[in-house]
C-alpha cells in the first residue's frame, strides 16, 4: 500500500534541503529512475511502501515543476523527417520494421527501424511513446482497440516504407510483445 498525498508531502518536507535539491535536480533533468533511486536509497521512506511510494513522490515533484522539466525531445513521425533520417543511413534501406519495447518510465512503446544492407544492420528512425502517438494521431483519432503507439508506428512506418519502395514489417501490432518475431533478411 502506497503513501497518500498528505503523507508524501509531510515526508518530502522532512527531508534535508540538500536531498530535496538532489531529487529535484534529477526530476528537472527528466531522470525519473535516478530520482526514485535516491528516494529509495536514503532509507527514509516508511517501511512497506518501497518503490511504489518513491515513484509517487517523484510524480509529485514532476507535477510541482511542470513545464520546467527538461523533457527528452520526441521523435518526429512526419514522412519528410523520417525520409531524411532514412537517407542518412549507413547502408541501402531494404525494409522498415516496427518493434515493441518498454521500460519503467515510458511503459510500452514502439521503435521504428530502417533495416539496411551493404552493410547489414538497422538504424533507428523514431521511438513512438504514448505522448508521441497522441501528438501524431490527434486526440480524436479512433484507434480502438489497438494501442495508439502501435497505430502511430504502423501509419508512419508504412508511409516511410511506401516512400522508399521497401516492405514494412510489424510482428504483433495488436499486442505489445517485445519478443515478437523480427523480420528475416
C-alpha atoms as a PDB file:
ATOM      1  CA  UNK A   1       0.000   0.000   0.000  1.00  0.00           C
ATOM      2  CA  UNK A   2       1.451   3.366  -1.035  1.00  0.00           C
ATOM      3  CA  UNK A   3       1.574   6.601   0.888  1.00  0.00           C
ATOM      4  CA  UNK A   4      -1.282   9.073   0.473  1.00  0.00           C
ATOM      5  CA  UNK A   5      -0.654  12.626  -0.779  1.00  0.00           C
ATOM      6  CA  UNK A   6      -0.566  14.179   2.706  1.00  0.00           C
ATOM      7  CA  UNK A   7       1.969  11.592   3.949  1.00  0.00           C
ATOM      8  CA  UNK A   8       4.139  12.136   0.857  1.00  0.00           C
ATOM      9  CA  UNK A   9       4.077  15.911   1.367  1.00  0.00           C
ATOM     10  CA  UNK A  10       4.979  15.530   5.044  1.00  0.00           C
ATOM     11  CA  UNK A  11       7.792  13.119   4.139  1.00  0.00           C
ATOM     12  CA  UNK A  12       9.112  15.493   1.465  1.00  0.00           C
ATOM     13  CA  UNK A  13       9.130  18.458   3.823  1.00  0.00           C
ATOM     14  CA  UNK A  14      11.024  16.428   6.452  1.00  0.00           C
ATOM     15  CA  UNK A  15      13.986  15.849   4.108  1.00  0.00           C
ATOM     16  CA  UNK A  16      17.167  17.913   4.370  1.00  0.00           C
ATOM     17  CA  UNK A  17      17.330  20.666   1.743  1.00  0.00           C
ATOM     18  CA  UNK A  18      20.354  19.055   0.055  1.00  0.00           C
ATOM     19  CA  UNK A  19      18.494  15.785  -0.546  1.00  0.00           C
ATOM     20  CA  UNK A  20      15.425  17.656  -1.845  1.00  0.00           C
ATOM     21  CA  UNK A  21      17.681  19.621  -4.201  1.00  0.00           C
ATOM     22  CA  UNK A  22      19.325  16.420  -5.448  1.00  0.00           C
ATOM     23  CA  UNK A  23      15.977  14.734  -6.137  1.00  0.00           C
ATOM     24  CA  UNK A  24      14.557  17.862  -7.778  1.00  0.00           C
ATOM     25  CA  UNK A  25      17.738  18.122  -9.874  1.00  0.00           C
ATOM     26  CA  UNK A  26      17.072  14.675 -11.294  1.00  0.00           C
ATOM     27  CA  UNK A  27      13.403  15.499 -11.846  1.00  0.00           C
ATOM     28  CA  UNK A  28      14.272  18.725 -13.678  1.00  0.00           C
ATOM     29  CA  UNK A  29      16.585  16.679 -15.943  1.00  0.00           C
ATOM     30  CA  UNK A  30      13.701  14.225 -16.558  1.00  0.00           C
ATOM     31  CA  UNK A  31      15.696  11.465 -14.888  1.00  0.00           C
ATOM     32  CA  UNK A  32      12.898   9.619 -13.107  1.00  0.00           C
ATOM     33  CA  UNK A  33      14.879   6.465 -12.372  1.00  0.00           C
ATOM     34  CA  UNK A  34      17.701   8.367 -10.674  1.00  0.00           C
ATOM     35  CA  UNK A  35      15.208  10.358  -8.583  1.00  0.00           C
ATOM     36  CA  UNK A  36      13.442   7.152  -7.489  1.00  0.00           C
ATOM     37  CA  UNK A  37      16.824   5.578  -6.741  1.00  0.00           C
ATOM     38  CA  UNK A  38      17.785   8.456  -4.423  1.00  0.00           C
ATOM     39  CA  UNK A  39      14.387   8.357  -2.720  1.00  0.00           C
ATOM     40  CA  UNK A  40      14.634   4.624  -2.041  1.00  0.00           C
ATOM     41  CA  UNK A  41      18.335   4.635  -1.105  1.00  0.00           C
ATOM     42  CA  UNK A  42      18.116   7.289   1.580  1.00  0.00           C
ATOM     43  CA  UNK A  43      16.067   4.820   3.573  1.00  0.00           C
ATOM     44  CA  UNK A  44      13.593   7.333   4.892  1.00  0.00           C
ATOM     45  CA  UNK A  45      10.558   6.020   3.027  1.00  0.00           C
ATOM     46  CA  UNK A  46       8.352   4.314   5.617  1.00  0.00           C
ATOM     47  CA  UNK A  47       8.620   0.521   5.712  1.00  0.00           C
ATOM     48  CA  UNK A  48       6.272  -1.356   3.423  1.00  0.00           C
ATOM     49  CA  UNK A  49       5.936   1.429   0.872  1.00  0.00           C
ATOM     50  CA  UNK A  50       9.115   0.967  -1.227  1.00  0.00           C
ATOM     51  CA  UNK A  51       9.485   1.776  -4.892  1.00  0.00           C
ATOM     52  CA  UNK A  52       5.758   2.388  -5.424  1.00  0.00           C
ATOM     53  CA  UNK A  53       5.725   5.260  -2.961  1.00  0.00           C
ATOM     54  CA  UNK A  54       9.075   6.520  -4.231  1.00  0.00           C
ATOM     55  CA  UNK A  55       7.544   6.709  -7.705  1.00  0.00           C
ATOM     56  CA  UNK A  56       4.528   8.616  -6.338  1.00  0.00           C
ATOM     57  CA  UNK A  57       6.851  11.062  -4.562  1.00  0.00           C
ATOM     58  CA  UNK A  58       8.772  11.584  -7.808  1.00  0.00           C
ATOM     59  CA  UNK A  59       5.484  12.045  -9.688  1.00  0.00           C
ATOM     60  CA  UNK A  60       4.501  14.724  -7.146  1.00  0.00           C
ATOM     61  CA  UNK A  61       7.758  16.537  -7.910  1.00  0.00           C
ATOM     62  CA  UNK A  62       7.122  16.306 -11.665  1.00  0.00           C
ATOM     63  CA  UNK A  63       3.722  17.913 -11.108  1.00  0.00           C
ATOM     64  CA  UNK A  64       5.307  20.563  -8.882  1.00  0.00           C
ATOM     65  CA  UNK A  65       7.866  21.538 -11.542  1.00  0.00           C
ATOM     66  CA  UNK A  66       5.533  21.155 -14.545  1.00  0.00           C
ATOM     67  CA  UNK A  67       6.903  22.779 -17.692  1.00  0.00           C
ATOM     68  CA  UNK A  68      10.295  23.427 -16.066  1.00  0.00           C
ATOM     69  CA  UNK A  69      11.194  19.725 -16.540  1.00  0.00           C
ATOM     70  CA  UNK A  70      13.595  19.389 -19.489  1.00  0.00           C
ATOM     71  CA  UNK A  71      11.794  16.618 -21.341  1.00  0.00           C
ATOM     72  CA  UNK A  72      13.599  14.445 -23.858  1.00  0.00           C
ATOM     73  CA  UNK A  73      12.521  15.580 -27.335  1.00  0.00           C
ATOM     74  CA  UNK A  74      10.017  13.318 -29.054  1.00  0.00           C
ATOM     75  CA  UNK A  75      10.812  11.702 -32.385  1.00  0.00           C
ATOM     76  CA  UNK A  76       9.188  13.276 -35.439  1.00  0.00           C
ATOM     77  CA  UNK A  77       6.837  10.937 -37.296  1.00  0.00           C
ATOM     78  CA  UNK A  78       6.155  13.033 -40.379  1.00  0.00           C
ATOM     79  CA  UNK A  79       7.212  11.440 -43.662  1.00  0.00           C
ATOM     80  CA  UNK A  80       9.637  14.217 -44.593  1.00  0.00           C
ATOM     81  CA  UNK A  81      11.600  13.831 -41.324  1.00  0.00           C
ATOM     82  CA  UNK A  82      11.624  10.036 -41.485  1.00  0.00           C
ATOM     83  CA  UNK A  83      12.751  10.099 -45.133  1.00  0.00           C
ATOM     84  CA  UNK A  84      15.573  12.493 -44.193  1.00  0.00           C
ATOM     85  CA  UNK A  85      16.710  10.074 -41.471  1.00  0.00           C
ATOM     86  CA  UNK A  86      16.484   7.122 -43.854  1.00  0.00           C
ATOM     87  CA  UNK A  87      18.600   8.985 -46.406  1.00  0.00           C
ATOM     88  CA  UNK A  88      21.324   9.284 -43.771  1.00  0.00           C
ATOM     89  CA  UNK A  89      21.515   5.538 -43.096  1.00  0.00           C
ATOM     90  CA  UNK A  90      24.904   3.907 -43.494  1.00  0.00           C
ATOM     91  CA  UNK A  91      23.583   1.324 -45.942  1.00  0.00           C
ATOM     92  CA  UNK A  92      20.878   0.726 -48.516  1.00  0.00           C
ATOM     93  CA  UNK A  93      17.460   0.572 -46.792  1.00  0.00           C
ATOM     94  CA  UNK A  94      15.776  -2.742 -47.659  1.00  0.00           C
ATOM     95  CA  UNK A  95      12.857  -2.637 -45.187  1.00  0.00           C
ATOM     96  CA  UNK A  96      11.215  -0.648 -42.418  1.00  0.00           C
ATOM     97  CA  UNK A  97      10.372  -2.505 -39.218  1.00  0.00           C
ATOM     98  CA  UNK A  98       8.403  -1.636 -36.088  1.00  0.00           C
ATOM     99  CA  UNK A  99       9.214  -3.485 -32.868  1.00  0.00           C
ATOM    100  CA  UNK A 100       7.710  -3.307 -29.405  1.00  0.00           C
ATOM    101  CA  UNK A 101       9.836  -2.239 -26.449  1.00  0.00           C
ATOM    102  CA  UNK A 102       9.227  -0.874 -22.985  1.00  0.00           C
ATOM    103  CA  UNK A 103      10.721   0.418 -19.776  1.00  0.00           C
ATOM    104  CA  UNK A 104       9.620   1.525 -16.341  1.00  0.00           C
ATOM    105  CA  UNK A 105       9.433   5.195 -17.325  1.00  0.00           C
ATOM    106  CA  UNK A 106       7.530   5.042 -20.628  1.00  0.00           C
ATOM    107  CA  UNK A 107       5.704   1.727 -20.259  1.00  0.00           C
ATOM    108  CA  UNK A 108       5.198   0.187 -23.724  1.00  0.00           C
ATOM    109  CA  UNK A 109       6.468   1.910 -26.857  1.00  0.00           C
ATOM    110  CA  UNK A 110       7.430   1.047 -30.437  1.00  0.00           C
ATOM    111  CA  UNK A 111      10.739   1.622 -32.170  1.00  0.00           C
ATOM    112  CA  UNK A 112      10.771   2.240 -35.934  1.00  0.00           C
ATOM    113  CA  UNK A 113      13.908   0.925 -37.620  1.00  0.00           C
ATOM    114  CA  UNK A 114      15.343   1.076 -41.111  1.00  0.00           C
ATOM    115  CA  UNK A 115      16.804  -2.319 -41.994  1.00  0.00           C
ATOM    116  CA  UNK A 116      19.875  -1.928 -44.181  1.00  0.00           C
ATOM    117  CA  UNK A 117      22.035  -3.999 -46.498  1.00  0.00           C
ATOM    118  CA  UNK A 118      25.569  -3.180 -47.633  1.00  0.00           C
ATOM    119  CA  UNK A 119      26.343  -3.127 -44.696  1.00  0.00           C
ATOM    120  CA  UNK A 120      23.718  -5.245 -42.960  1.00  0.00           C
ATOM    121  CA  UNK A 121      22.277  -3.502 -39.939  1.00  0.00           C
ATOM    122  CA  UNK A 122      19.470  -1.405 -38.560  1.00  0.00           C
ATOM    123  CA  UNK A 123      19.171   2.301 -37.961  1.00  0.00           C
ATOM    124  CA  UNK A 124      16.716   3.963 -35.557  1.00  0.00           C
ATOM    125  CA  UNK A 125      14.149   6.149 -37.306  1.00  0.00           C
ATOM    126  CA  UNK A 126      11.839   7.020 -34.382  1.00  0.00           C
ATOM    127  CA  UNK A 127      10.686   5.957 -30.939  1.00  0.00           C
ATOM    128  CA  UNK A 128       6.917   6.152 -30.564  1.00  0.00           C
ATOM    129  CA  UNK A 129       5.853   6.793 -26.972  1.00  0.00           C
ATOM    130  CA  UNK A 130       2.247   7.335 -25.857  1.00  0.00           C
ATOM    131  CA  UNK A 131       2.703  11.122 -25.986  1.00  0.00           C
ATOM    132  CA  UNK A 132       4.326  10.904 -29.444  1.00  0.00           C
ATOM    133  CA  UNK A 133       1.410   8.807 -30.707  1.00  0.00           C
ATOM    134  CA  UNK A 134      -1.192  11.214 -29.313  1.00  0.00           C
ATOM    135  CA  UNK A 135       0.581  14.159 -30.926  1.00  0.00           C
ATOM    136  CA  UNK A 136       0.829  12.363 -34.285  1.00  0.00           C
ATOM    137  CA  UNK A 137      -2.677  10.867 -34.290  1.00  0.00           C
ATOM    138  CA  UNK A 138      -4.506  13.761 -32.694  1.00  0.00           C
ATOM    139  CA  UNK A 139      -6.774  13.485 -29.683  1.00  0.00           C
ATOM    140  CA  UNK A 140      -9.858  12.446 -31.669  1.00  0.00           C
ATOM    141  CA  UNK A 141      -8.282   9.625 -33.693  1.00  0.00           C
ATOM    142  CA  UNK A 142     -10.287   6.416 -33.226  1.00  0.00           C
ATOM    143  CA  UNK A 143      -7.742   3.614 -32.904  1.00  0.00           C
ATOM    144  CA  UNK A 144      -9.686   1.328 -30.538  1.00  0.00           C
ATOM    145  CA  UNK A 145      -9.000  -1.379 -29.533  1.00  0.00           C
ATOM    146  CA  UNK A 146      -5.380  -1.054 -30.699  1.00  0.00           C
ATOM    147  CA  UNK A 147      -2.729   0.682 -28.619  1.00  0.00           C
ATOM    148  CA  UNK A 148      -2.143   4.214 -30.001  1.00  0.00           C
ATOM    149  CA  UNK A 149       1.636   3.715 -30.177  1.00  0.00           C
ATOM    150  CA  UNK A 150       1.074   0.726 -32.478  1.00  0.00           C
ATOM    151  CA  UNK A 151      -1.331   2.670 -34.682  1.00  0.00           C
ATOM    152  CA  UNK A 152       1.018   5.661 -34.975  1.00  0.00           C
ATOM    153  CA  UNK A 153       4.095   3.496 -35.592  1.00  0.00           C
ATOM    154  CA  UNK A 154       2.286   1.447 -38.221  1.00  0.00           C
ATOM    155  CA  UNK A 155       0.992   4.525 -40.075  1.00  0.00           C
ATOM    156  CA  UNK A 156       4.354   6.292 -40.039  1.00  0.00           C
ATOM    157  CA  UNK A 157       6.276   3.093 -40.815  1.00  0.00           C
ATOM    158  CA  UNK A 158       4.024   2.132 -43.726  1.00  0.00           C
ATOM    159  CA  UNK A 159       4.264   5.648 -45.160  1.00  0.00           C
ATOM    160  CA  UNK A 160       8.074   5.571 -44.967  1.00  0.00           C
ATOM    161  CA  UNK A 161       8.238   2.063 -46.452  1.00  0.00           C
ATOM    162  CA  UNK A 162       5.964   3.098 -49.329  1.00  0.00           C
ATOM    163  CA  UNK A 163       8.068   6.213 -49.927  1.00  0.00           C
ATOM    164  CA  UNK A 164      11.233   4.083 -50.061  1.00  0.00           C
ATOM    165  CA  UNK A 165       9.512   1.281 -52.048  1.00  0.00           C
ATOM    166  CA  UNK A 166      10.524  -1.331 -49.453  1.00  0.00           C
ATOM    167  CA  UNK A 167       8.473  -3.743 -47.325  1.00  0.00           C
ATOM    168  CA  UNK A 168       7.132  -2.847 -43.889  1.00  0.00           C
ATOM    169  CA  UNK A 169       7.143  -5.386 -41.048  1.00  0.00           C
ATOM    170  CA  UNK A 170       5.420  -5.156 -37.662  1.00  0.00           C
ATOM    171  CA  UNK A 171       5.019  -8.505 -35.916  1.00  0.00           C
ATOM    172  CA  UNK A 172       2.178  -8.382 -33.419  1.00  0.00           C
ATOM    173  CA  UNK A 173       0.876  -4.826 -33.831  1.00  0.00           C
ATOM    174  CA  UNK A 174      -2.251  -5.712 -31.861  1.00  0.00           C
ATOM    175  CA  UNK A 175      -0.465  -6.991 -28.761  1.00  0.00           C
ATOM    176  CA  UNK A 176       2.612  -5.449 -27.106  1.00  0.00           C
ATOM    177  CA  UNK A 177       5.269  -8.153 -27.365  1.00  0.00           C
ATOM    178  CA  UNK A 178       8.950  -7.259 -27.345  1.00  0.00           C
ATOM    179  CA  UNK A 179       9.760 -10.854 -28.263  1.00  0.00           C
ATOM    180  CA  UNK A 180       7.612 -10.990 -31.420  1.00  0.00           C
ATOM    181  CA  UNK A 181       9.458 -12.442 -34.413  1.00  0.00           C
ATOM    182  CA  UNK A 182      11.724  -9.992 -36.194  1.00  0.00           C
ATOM    183  CA  UNK A 183      11.937  -9.556 -39.953  1.00  0.00           C
ATOM    184  CA  UNK A 184      14.265 -12.005 -41.617  1.00  0.00           C
ATOM    185  CA  UNK A 185      16.537 -10.904 -44.449  1.00  0.00           C
END
